[in-house]
Amino acid sequence: MDKWKIGEDEFFKEGYDKNGFSIGEKNGDNNASDANTDLNNSKANKNDRGSKRRKGSKANKNDLKKIFYVMLGIAAFLSAYYLLIVLFPGNNTNVEIFGLKTKVYRPATLPENDLLITGYIVNKNKFSISYVKLNGKLYSTKNIVLLTKHVYAGNFIKFKKLKNMSNIAVNMTLGNKEGVNMSNVEILPNHPIKFMLVFLNISPNSKNYSITISHFYRIKK
């Protein structure tokens, strides 16, 4: 039986009194109204049960999604923790810099002054490390950062050759991640290796500099 309500035009055809129409009077059956009400109640109950089931199903799906995102977040956190703690111990963690020397020079082909800094790094950890990266900063007389340079340990250029190299060649050579002859790969504990950093075309206002360990990787056995 289709749902409908009194007042809809399709149920008031010719021969019926709109004002006096009621279910049951049409067939003269006094029980028709009760039967129709029971059917409507039955449909309503079924619809309510179906609605509850749909709501319950949606709630279960939402709960599963929440659990999935929580597990995904935990996995991401553990992965990040592993990378930071195991592979990337942190800045200046038991890697020391020593033996620093500086020299201001002018390249053979360029009318500029460059600052050369040389030194050593030593692995003070109990495990081997690789790909030690250094961060250098050049400061003005007012302690403002004028230049920033990143280089990898294990790279070294003879001064005579350095003066005749282009700026691009200098940066590429000192940016070799593995170092000369793989010297920046699997550095043993207490084993020093050389490094070189060049600030190109320095300002006359330059006063001092700083060099720190940017990062390195732990060799896990």
Protein backbone atom coordinates (compact mmCIF):
# COMPACT_ATOMS: atom_id res chain seq x y z
CA MET A 1 0.00 0.00 0.00
CA ASP A 2 1.39 3.38 -1.00
CA LYS A 3 1.63 6.06 1.60
CA TRP A 4 -0.61 9.02 1.14
CA LYS A 5 -2.55 11.56 3.13
CA ILE A 6 -6.01 13.00 3.01
CA GLY A 7 -6.09 16.05 0.83
CA GLU A 8 -4.00 14.80 -2.08
CA ASP A 9 -5.85 15.52 -5.30
CA GLU A 10 -5.51 12.07 -6.85
CA PHE A 11 -7.71 10.53 -4.15
CA PHE A 12 -10.66 12.92 -4.69
CA LYS A 13 -12.28 11.84 -7.89
CA GLU A 14 -15.80 12.44 -9.06
CA GLY A 15 -18.48 10.93 -6.76
CA TYR A 16 -16.51 11.33 -3.50
CA ASP A 17 -17.11 13.96 -0.86
CA LYS A 18 -13.78 15.66 -0.12
CA ASN A 19 -14.89 16.93 3.29
CA GLY A 20 -16.38 13.61 4.48
CA PHE A 21 -13.84 11.14 3.06
CA SER A 22 -12.14 8.64 5.37
CA ILE A 23 -10.51 5.24 4.92
CA GLY A 24 -13.05 2.45 5.49
CA GLU A 25 -16.11 4.32 4.39
CA LYS A 26 -15.28 3.56 0.79
CA ASN A 27 -15.90 -0.19 1.18
CA GLY A 28 -18.08 -0.05 4.22
CA ASP A 29 -15.54 -2.01 6.25
CA ASN A 30 -15.20 -0.65 9.78
CA ASN A 31 -11.98 -2.59 10.34
CA ALA A 32 -10.28 -1.18 7.26
CA SER A 33 -8.93 1.84 9.12
CA ASP A 34 -7.37 -0.34 11.84
CA ALA A 35 -5.86 -2.68 9.27
CA ASN A 36 -4.35 0.23 7.37
CA THR A 37 -2.96 1.71 10.58
CA ASP A 38 -1.33 -1.64 11.48
CA LEU A 39 0.25 -1.86 8.04
CA ASN A 40 1.56 1.66 8.31
CA ASN A 41 2.94 0.95 11.80
CA SER A 42 4.60 -2.20 10.50
CA LYS A 43 6.23 -0.25 7.69
CA ALA A 44 7.36 2.45 10.09
CA ASN A 45 8.91 -0.16 12.39
CA LYS A 46 10.74 -1.77 9.46
CA ASN A 47 11.96 1.61 8.31
CA ASP A 48 13.16 2.42 11.85
CA ARG A 49 15.03 -0.89 12.08
CA GLY A 50 16.57 -0.35 8.64
CA SER A 51 17.60 3.18 9.60
CA LYS A 52 19.18 1.93 12.83
CA ARG A 53 21.07 -0.76 10.92
CA ARG A 54 22.36 1.81 8.42
CA LYS A 55 23.39 4.14 11.22
CA GLY A 56 25.11 1.27 13.03
CA SER A 57 26.94 0.28 9.86
CA LYS A 58 28.11 3.87 9.28
CA ALA A 59 29.26 4.13 12.89
CA ASN A 60 31.27 0.91 12.54
CA LYS A 61 32.91 2.18 9.36
CA ASN A 62 33.80 5.47 11.05
CA ASP A 63 35.30 3.59 14.00
CA LEU A 64 37.40 1.47 11.63
CA LYS A 65 38.61 4.60 9.85
CA LYS A 66 39.61 6.19 13.15
CA ILE A 67 41.53 3.06 14.18
CA PHE A 68 43.26 2.96 10.78
CA TYR A 69 44.36 6.61 11.01
CA VAL A 70 45.59 6.10 14.58
CA MET A 71 47.67 3.08 13.52
CA LEU A 72 48.98 5.00 10.51
CA GLY A 73 50.01 7.89 12.75
CA ILE A 74 51.81 5.55 15.15
CA ALA A 75 53.67 3.90 12.26
CA ALA A 76 54.73 7.31 10.88
CA PHE A 77 55.94 8.42 14.31
CA LEU A 78 57.99 5.26 14.82
CA SER A 79 59.53 5.61 11.35
CA ALA A 80 60.50 9.23 12.00
CA TYR A 81 61.91 8.28 15.41
CA TYR A 82 64.01 5.52 13.83
CA LEU A 83 65.44 7.87 11.21
CA LEU A 84 66.23 10.62 13.70
CA ILE A 85 67.66 8.48 16.48
CA VAL A 86 69.29 5.57 14.65
CA LEU A 87 70.33 6.97 11.27
CA PHE A 88 70.61 10.64 12.20
CA PRO A 89 71.93 10.98 15.75
CA GLY A 90 71.83 14.78 15.66
CA ASN A 91 73.97 17.87 15.32
CA ASN A 92 77.49 17.74 16.79
CA THR A 93 76.86 14.37 18.48
CA ASN A 94 80.35 13.13 19.33
CA VAL A 95 81.89 14.46 16.12
CA GLU A 96 84.54 17.08 16.83
CA ILE A 97 86.16 19.77 14.69
CA PHE A 98 89.78 20.71 15.30
CA GLY A 99 92.92 22.11 13.66
CA LEU A 100 91.24 25.06 11.94
CA LYS A 101 93.34 27.31 9.70
CA THR A 102 92.30 30.27 7.52
CA LYS A 103 93.74 32.03 4.48
CA VAL A 104 92.42 34.90 2.38
CA TYR A 105 93.48 34.65 -1.27
CA ARG A 106 92.62 36.00 -4.71
CA PRO A 107 91.87 33.54 -7.54
CA ALA A 108 94.03 33.72 -10.64
CA THR A 109 91.13 34.52 -12.97
CA LEU A 110 88.73 36.53 -10.76
CA PRO A 111 89.10 39.99 -9.15
CA GLU A 112 87.72 38.91 -5.76
CA ASN A 113 88.88 37.79 -2.36
CA ASP A 114 88.03 34.28 -1.16
CA LEU A 115 88.37 32.87 2.35
CA LEU A 116 89.81 29.37 2.66
CA ILE A 117 89.22 27.39 5.87
CA THR A 118 90.77 23.99 6.45
CA GLY A 119 90.54 21.58 9.36
CA TYR A 120 89.73 18.08 10.53
CA ILE A 121 86.74 16.23 11.90
CA VAL A 122 87.07 13.17 14.14
CA ASN A 123 84.46 10.56 14.93
CA LYS A 124 84.24 10.25 18.75
CA ASN A 125 81.35 7.78 18.67
CA LYS A 126 81.66 4.06 19.33
CA PHE A 127 80.23 3.30 15.89
CA SER A 128 81.22 4.19 12.34
CA ILE A 129 79.60 7.13 10.56
CA SER A 130 79.24 8.34 6.97
CA TYR A 131 78.50 11.48 4.96
CA VAL A 132 79.53 14.09 7.50
CA LYS A 133 78.21 17.47 6.35
CA LEU A 134 79.46 20.80 7.69
CA ASN A 135 77.72 24.15 7.84
CA GLY A 136 79.82 27.34 7.65
CA LYS A 137 78.69 30.91 8.26
CA LEU A 138 80.57 34.15 7.62
CA TYR A 139 79.67 37.14 9.82
CA SER A 140 80.01 40.90 9.48
CA THR A 141 81.46 43.28 12.05
CA LYS A 142 77.89 43.66 13.39
CA ASN A 143 77.54 39.87 13.69
CA ILE A 144 75.18 39.63 10.71
CA VAL A 145 75.39 36.48 8.58
CA LEU A 146 76.85 37.46 5.21
CA LEU A 147 77.38 34.03 3.64
CA THR A 148 76.38 30.43 4.35
CA LYS A 149 78.17 27.42 2.91
CA HIS A 150 77.60 23.65 3.11
CA VAL A 151 80.40 21.18 2.36
CA TYR A 152 81.12 17.50 2.97
CA ALA A 153 84.12 16.25 4.91
CA GLY A 154 86.80 14.26 3.11
CA ASN A 155 87.26 16.75 0.25
CA PHE A 156 90.52 18.63 -0.14
CA ILE A 157 92.06 20.65 -3.00
CA LYS A 158 95.70 21.65 -3.25
CA PHE A 159 96.05 25.39 -2.94
CA LYS A 160 97.86 25.87 -6.27
CA LYS A 161 95.04 24.09 -8.09
CA LEU A 162 92.37 25.88 -6.04
CA LYS A 163 93.52 29.33 -7.19
CA ASN A 164 92.96 28.37 -10.84
CA MET A 165 89.55 26.72 -10.43
CA SER A 166 86.24 28.37 -11.24
CA ASN A 167 83.72 28.99 -8.45
CA ILE A 168 81.42 26.31 -9.88
CA ALA A 169 84.23 23.74 -9.91
CA VAL A 170 85.15 24.59 -6.29
CA ASN A 171 81.56 24.15 -5.09
CA MET A 172 81.12 20.86 -6.96
CA THR A 173 84.37 19.42 -5.62
CA LEU A 174 83.72 20.35 -1.99
CA GLY A 175 80.11 19.17 -2.29
CA ASN A 176 81.12 15.58 -3.06
CA LYS A 177 79.11 13.57 -0.52
CA GLU A 178 81.48 10.58 -0.47
CA GLY A 179 84.72 12.57 -0.20
CA VAL A 180 87.99 11.97 -2.02
CA ASN A 181 88.68 8.25 -2.35
CA MET A 182 85.48 7.50 -0.34
CA SER A 183 87.07 9.10 2.73
CA ASN A 184 83.67 10.30 3.98
CA VAL A 185 82.17 6.80 3.95
CA GLU A 186 82.29 4.54 7.03
CA ILE A 187 84.54 6.73 9.16
CA LEU A 188 85.86 4.63 12.03
CA PRO A 189 85.84 5.82 15.67
CA ASN A 190 88.71 8.20 16.53
CA HIS A 191 89.68 8.42 12.87
CA PRO A 192 90.25 12.05 11.70
CA ILE A 193 89.63 13.19 8.14
CA LYS A 194 90.31 16.51 6.41
CA PHE A 195 87.78 19.04 5.20
CA MET A 196 87.96 22.31 3.29
CA LEU A 197 85.47 25.18 3.10
CA VAL A 198 85.74 28.22 0.81
CA PHE A 199 83.72 31.42 1.14
CA LEU A 200 83.74 32.96 -2.32
CA ASN A 201 83.89 36.70 -3.00
CA ILE A 202 83.87 37.78 0.62
CA SER A 203 82.88 41.29 1.66
CA PRO A 204 85.49 43.70 3.12
CA ASN A 205 83.06 43.93 6.04
CA SER A 206 83.67 40.27 6.95
CA LYS A 207 84.94 39.71 10.48
CA ASN A 208 84.57 36.12 11.73
CA TYR A 209 83.08 32.73 10.92
CA SER A 210 81.61 29.59 12.49
CA ILE A 211 81.66 25.94 11.42
CA THR A 212 79.35 23.26 12.84
CA ILE A 213 78.45 19.69 12.00
CA SER A 214 75.22 19.82 10.02
CA HIS A 215 74.54 16.07 10.08
CA PHE A 216 75.96 12.59 9.57
CA TYR A 217 74.66 9.03 9.23
CA ARG A 218 75.26 6.22 11.62
CA ILE A 219 76.50 2.89 10.25
CA LYS A 220 74.34 0.21 11.84
CA LYS A 221 75.93 -3.22 11.99
